[in-house]
Amino acid sequence: MAASRPKAAPPGRLAITRSALSDLGLKSLSYIGRDPVDLVREHRVVADFVLQRSQSYEGQEATLGVKPTTWNLHAGTWRAVTWYDARSDTCWLVAANQSHDYRAFVNRANNGNLLPTAADFADLDLRDSLTDDFAEAALGQAVTVLDQARDSPGVEISCVLAGEIEMSVYVDDSDPQYRALWLLYRVPPRGRLELEADIPTVLAALFFDDDANVDWYRSDHPARPAGLAQNERVMRWKTSGTLRPPSPDPLA
């Protein structure tokens, strides 16, 4: 009797490409670069990806016709493909569809559109750079400025978040049905956050409970009737409930 193949080791980390997030309908900026463990409630495929690939970076069956080797992942009616990058010890969810169409995965591979892109690796680098000290400092400051803004609606509360993001928080409670949380930030950021596109992701993770009612790129601000400066950007989140304090672990 032939010896069974030894099980591959668990990967050092898990990640999801931007393309795979789009496949799953998770198209908000707030999902990009996030640890898949934080997204298991967002989609069945992500939950099964975390469950299965956290135990071994290999699946039970390789994707036929795809090189380098990728592994099939079944999640209910969905089919997905994962790839292990030995250099970074990362297992990636790279594609998914609900039509059982493995030919679509092969076509992506043949067109060079299956594996992680430079932007995906940059997202992963950003996640790594958001170390515990940054997350702790950013969270503590976010709680403080949000509390101040809630206590003083209509007043812009400014800070430099964790020494890196120049920003302000503004609460508008003039609408009897909704409360609006306005975040203004300035570009370019300081320090490690080198890409302007990363700031909305970080701020959304810190301040917003969800992204269903987010205006990501506003051109106005209630405290700036004369308009925004050239280097200022604005996000707004509306809720019919209370503005709760930031999550205790938003960047994990």
Protein backbone atom coordinates (compact mmCIF):
# COMPACT_ATOMS: atom_id res chain seq x y z
CA MET A 1 0.00 0.00 0.00
CA ALA A 2 1.43 3.36 -1.04
CA ALA A 3 2.18 5.83 1.71
CA SER A 4 -0.17 8.77 1.85
CA ARG A 5 1.17 12.17 0.97
CA PRO A 6 2.12 14.18 4.06
CA LYS A 7 -0.10 17.14 4.80
CA ALA A 8 1.39 20.52 3.96
CA ALA A 9 2.14 22.86 6.83
CA PRO A 10 -0.13 25.76 7.78
CA PRO A 11 0.88 29.00 6.03
CA GLY A 12 2.29 31.92 7.96
CA ARG A 13 -0.64 34.10 6.92
CA LEU A 14 -3.71 34.27 4.69
CA ALA A 15 -4.65 37.00 2.20
CA ILE A 16 -7.26 37.79 -0.45
CA THR A 17 -6.53 39.50 -3.75
CA ARG A 18 -8.50 42.53 -4.87
CA SER A 19 -9.77 40.50 -7.82
CA ALA A 20 -11.10 37.75 -5.53
CA LEU A 21 -12.79 40.33 -3.30
CA SER A 22 -14.53 41.66 -6.41
CA ASP A 23 -15.56 38.12 -7.38
CA LEU A 24 -17.26 37.81 -3.99
CA GLY A 25 -19.00 41.18 -4.25
CA LEU A 26 -16.82 42.63 -1.48
CA LYS A 27 -15.90 45.71 -3.47
CA SER A 28 -15.66 48.32 -0.74
CA LEU A 29 -12.26 49.86 -0.04
CA SER A 30 -12.66 48.82 3.58
CA TYR A 31 -12.13 45.15 2.62
CA ILE A 32 -8.86 45.66 0.74
CA GLY A 33 -5.82 44.34 2.57
CA ARG A 34 -7.81 43.10 5.55
CA ASP A 35 -6.90 39.89 7.32
CA PRO A 36 -9.37 37.26 6.04
CA VAL A 37 -10.01 36.22 9.64
CA ASP A 38 -11.77 39.58 10.08
CA LEU A 39 -14.03 38.90 7.08
CA VAL A 40 -15.33 35.39 7.80
CA ARG A 41 -18.84 36.73 8.44
CA GLU A 42 -18.89 38.61 5.16
CA HIS A 43 -18.93 35.60 2.83
CA ARG A 44 -19.12 31.79 2.98
CA VAL A 45 -16.07 31.45 0.71
CA VAL A 46 -13.93 33.54 3.06
CA ALA A 47 -15.08 31.51 6.05
CA ASP A 48 -14.20 28.22 4.36
CA PHE A 49 -10.92 29.64 3.06
CA VAL A 50 -9.87 30.58 6.59
CA LEU A 51 -11.06 27.27 8.04
CA GLN A 52 -9.36 25.04 5.47
CA ARG A 53 -6.22 26.92 4.51
CA SER A 54 -5.27 27.91 8.04
CA GLN A 55 -4.69 24.18 8.57
CA SER A 56 -2.76 23.56 5.33
CA TYR A 57 -1.89 25.73 2.36
CA GLU A 58 -2.70 22.81 0.03
CA GLY A 59 -6.18 21.61 -0.86
CA GLN A 60 -7.33 18.14 -1.81
CA GLU A 61 -7.27 18.79 -5.54
CA ALA A 62 -5.13 20.96 -7.76
CA THR A 63 -6.75 23.17 -10.41
CA LEU A 64 -6.30 21.39 -13.73
CA GLY A 65 -4.59 23.43 -16.43
CA VAL A 66 -3.16 26.09 -14.11
CA LYS A 67 0.53 26.67 -13.48
CA PRO A 68 1.98 27.39 -11.00
CA THR A 69 -0.09 25.04 -8.90
CA THR A 70 -3.30 26.37 -7.42
CA TRP A 71 -5.78 24.50 -5.26
CA ASN A 72 -9.55 24.22 -5.57
CA LEU A 73 -11.76 25.28 -2.70
CA HIS A 74 -15.42 24.29 -2.37
CA ALA A 75 -17.73 26.50 -0.30
CA GLY A 76 -21.39 25.60 -0.68
CA THR A 77 -22.40 26.47 -4.25
CA TRP A 78 -19.21 28.48 -4.75
CA ARG A 79 -15.92 27.36 -6.23
CA ALA A 80 -12.68 29.17 -5.54
CA VAL A 81 -8.95 28.87 -6.16
CA THR A 82 -6.07 29.42 -3.75
CA TRP A 83 -2.34 29.81 -4.32
CA TYR A 84 0.56 29.51 -1.91
CA ASP A 85 3.48 31.92 -2.19
CA ALA A 86 6.45 30.22 -0.54
CA ARG A 87 8.57 33.38 -0.57
CA SER A 88 6.22 35.25 1.72
CA ASP A 89 4.70 32.13 3.35
CA THR A 90 1.24 33.40 2.37
CA CYS A 91 -1.77 31.48 1.11
CA TRP A 92 -3.89 33.66 -1.18
CA LEU A 93 -7.54 33.39 -2.20
CA VAL A 94 -7.15 34.46 -5.82
CA ALA A 95 -10.50 33.83 -7.56
CA ALA A 96 -14.05 32.61 -7.02
CA ASN A 97 -17.29 32.09 -8.90
CA GLN A 98 -20.69 30.55 -8.32
CA SER A 99 -20.99 28.85 -11.70
CA HIS A 100 -18.49 26.02 -11.12
CA ASP A 101 -16.63 27.40 -14.12
CA TYR A 102 -13.05 26.24 -13.66
CA ARG A 103 -12.32 27.25 -17.26
CA ALA A 104 -12.67 30.88 -16.10
CA PHE A 105 -9.84 30.28 -13.64
CA VAL A 106 -7.71 28.69 -16.36
CA ASN A 107 -8.38 31.62 -18.70
CA ARG A 108 -7.34 34.09 -16.02
CA ALA A 109 -4.14 32.13 -15.47
CA ASN A 110 -3.40 32.03 -19.20
CA ASN A 111 -3.95 35.79 -19.41
CA GLY A 112 -1.72 36.45 -16.42
CA ASN A 113 -4.63 37.68 -14.30
CA LEU A 114 -4.97 34.98 -11.66
CA LEU A 115 -2.12 35.43 -9.19
CA PRO A 116 -1.67 38.41 -6.83
CA THR A 117 -0.67 41.70 -8.42
CA ALA A 118 1.85 44.27 -7.24
CA ALA A 119 -1.06 46.17 -5.65
CA ASP A 120 -2.08 43.04 -3.72
CA PHE A 121 1.42 42.62 -2.34
CA ALA A 122 1.48 46.33 -1.45
CA ASP A 123 -1.79 45.83 0.47
CA LEU A 124 -0.17 42.96 2.34
CA ASP A 125 2.89 45.07 3.12
CA LEU A 126 0.61 47.77 4.49
CA ARG A 127 -1.13 45.25 6.72
CA ASP A 128 2.26 44.16 8.03
CA SER A 129 3.33 47.76 8.59
CA LEU A 130 0.27 48.42 10.74
CA THR A 131 2.03 46.93 13.72
CA ASP A 132 0.58 46.56 17.16
CA ASP A 133 2.05 49.88 18.28
CA PHE A 134 0.42 51.74 15.38
CA ALA A 135 -2.93 49.98 15.87
CA GLU A 136 -2.89 50.63 19.62
CA ALA A 137 -1.99 54.30 19.18
CA ALA A 138 -4.49 54.82 16.35
CA LEU A 139 -7.32 53.09 18.21
CA GLY A 140 -6.73 54.98 21.45
CA GLN A 141 -6.70 58.28 19.63
CA ALA A 142 -9.73 57.38 17.51
CA VAL A 143 -11.77 56.63 20.63
CA THR A 144 -10.75 59.97 22.15
CA VAL A 145 -11.49 62.17 19.14
CA LEU A 146 -14.78 60.40 18.40
CA ASP A 147 -15.89 60.89 22.00
CA GLN A 148 -14.99 64.58 21.75
CA ALA A 149 -16.83 64.96 18.44
CA ARG A 150 -19.95 63.22 19.79
CA ASP A 151 -19.93 65.50 22.83
CA SER A 152 -19.53 68.58 20.60
CA PRO A 153 -21.64 68.09 17.46
CA GLY A 154 -20.95 70.72 14.84
CA VAL A 155 -17.37 71.23 16.03
CA GLU A 156 -14.42 69.90 14.01
CA ILE A 157 -12.04 67.89 16.22
CA SER A 158 -8.54 67.63 14.72
CA CYS A 159 -5.63 65.28 15.39
CA VAL A 160 -2.66 63.56 13.78
CA LEU A 161 -3.72 59.93 14.05
CA ALA A 162 -0.86 57.83 15.45
CA GLY A 163 1.51 60.53 14.24
CA GLU A 164 0.78 59.64 10.62
CA ILE A 165 -2.64 60.79 9.37
CA GLU A 166 -3.58 64.45 9.66
CA MET A 167 -7.34 64.40 10.05
CA SER A 168 -10.45 65.72 11.76
CA VAL A 169 -13.71 64.24 13.01
CA TYR A 170 -17.03 66.09 12.76
CA VAL A 171 -20.44 64.89 13.96
CA ASP A 172 -23.56 66.33 12.32
CA ASP A 173 -26.78 65.57 14.24
CA SER A 174 -28.96 68.19 12.52
CA ASP A 175 -31.01 65.52 10.74
CA PRO A 176 -33.59 64.00 13.15
CA GLN A 177 -33.39 60.62 11.39
CA TYR A 178 -29.65 60.23 10.86
CA ARG A 179 -26.36 61.16 12.43
CA ALA A 180 -23.46 61.78 10.08
CA LEU A 181 -19.80 61.23 10.88
CA TRP A 182 -17.48 63.27 8.69
CA LEU A 183 -13.78 62.41 8.43
CA LEU A 184 -11.44 64.87 6.75
CA TYR A 185 -7.82 63.91 6.07
CA ARG A 186 -4.89 65.51 4.33
CA VAL A 187 -2.56 64.02 1.75
CA PRO A 188 0.12 62.94 1.45
CA PRO A 189 0.22 61.13 4.79
CA ARG A 190 3.21 61.09 7.08
CA GLY A 191 5.47 58.15 7.90
CA ARG A 192 4.75 54.59 6.83
CA LEU A 193 1.41 55.12 5.08
CA GLU A 194 2.89 56.16 1.77
CA LEU A 195 -0.10 55.70 -0.51
CA GLU A 196 -3.07 58.02 -0.40
CA ALA A 197 -5.39 55.15 -1.34
CA ASP A 198 -4.59 53.34 1.91
CA ILE A 199 -5.94 56.05 4.19
CA PRO A 200 -9.68 55.44 3.57
CA THR A 201 -9.18 51.75 4.34
CA VAL A 202 -7.50 52.50 7.65
CA LEU A 203 -10.03 55.15 8.68
CA ALA A 204 -13.02 52.99 7.71
CA ALA A 205 -11.67 50.13 9.83
CA LEU A 206 -11.20 52.45 12.80
CA PHE A 207 -14.33 54.61 12.72
CA PHE A 208 -17.16 52.94 10.77
CA ASP A 209 -19.32 50.04 11.93
CA ASP A 210 -20.15 49.16 8.33
CA ASP A 211 -19.73 50.60 4.85
CA ALA A 212 -23.33 50.44 3.66
CA ASN A 213 -23.85 54.19 3.99
CA VAL A 214 -20.38 55.54 3.28
CA ASP A 215 -19.64 58.32 0.82
CA TRP A 216 -15.98 57.63 0.20
CA TYR A 217 -15.04 60.75 -1.74
CA ARG A 218 -17.06 63.84 -0.81
CA SER A 219 -16.26 67.23 -2.33
CA ASP A 220 -17.83 69.16 0.54
CA HIS A 221 -17.69 69.43 4.34
CA PRO A 222 -20.16 71.20 6.66
CA ALA A 223 -17.33 73.00 8.49
CA ARG A 224 -15.73 74.19 5.25
CA PRO A 225 -18.34 76.37 3.49
CA ALA A 226 -15.62 77.94 1.35
CA GLY A 227 -14.61 74.51 0.05
CA LEU A 228 -11.79 72.06 0.62
CA ALA A 229 -8.09 72.75 0.30
CA GLN A 230 -6.33 71.01 -2.58
CA ASN A 231 -4.76 68.40 -0.28
CA GLU A 232 -7.91 67.64 1.73
CA ARG A 233 -10.14 64.60 1.25
CA VAL A 234 -13.47 63.83 2.92
CA MET A 235 -15.42 60.68 3.82
CA ARG A 236 -18.92 60.61 5.37
CA TRP A 237 -20.79 57.82 7.13
CA LYS A 238 -24.48 58.04 8.06
CA THR A 239 -26.28 55.94 10.66
CA SER A 240 -29.77 55.90 12.10
CA GLY A 241 -28.37 54.54 15.36
CA THR A 242 -25.81 55.86 17.79
CA LEU A 243 -22.23 56.55 16.83
CA ARG A 244 -20.56 53.73 18.67
CA PRO A 245 -16.91 53.83 19.72
CA PRO A 246 -14.42 52.18 17.35
CA SER A 247 -13.98 48.40 17.40
CA PRO A 248 -11.51 47.21 20.06
CA ASP A 249 -9.49 45.39 17.39
CA PRO A 250 -10.14 47.07 14.02
CA LEU A 251 -6.84 46.36 12.31
CA ALA A 252 -6.12 42.83 13.48
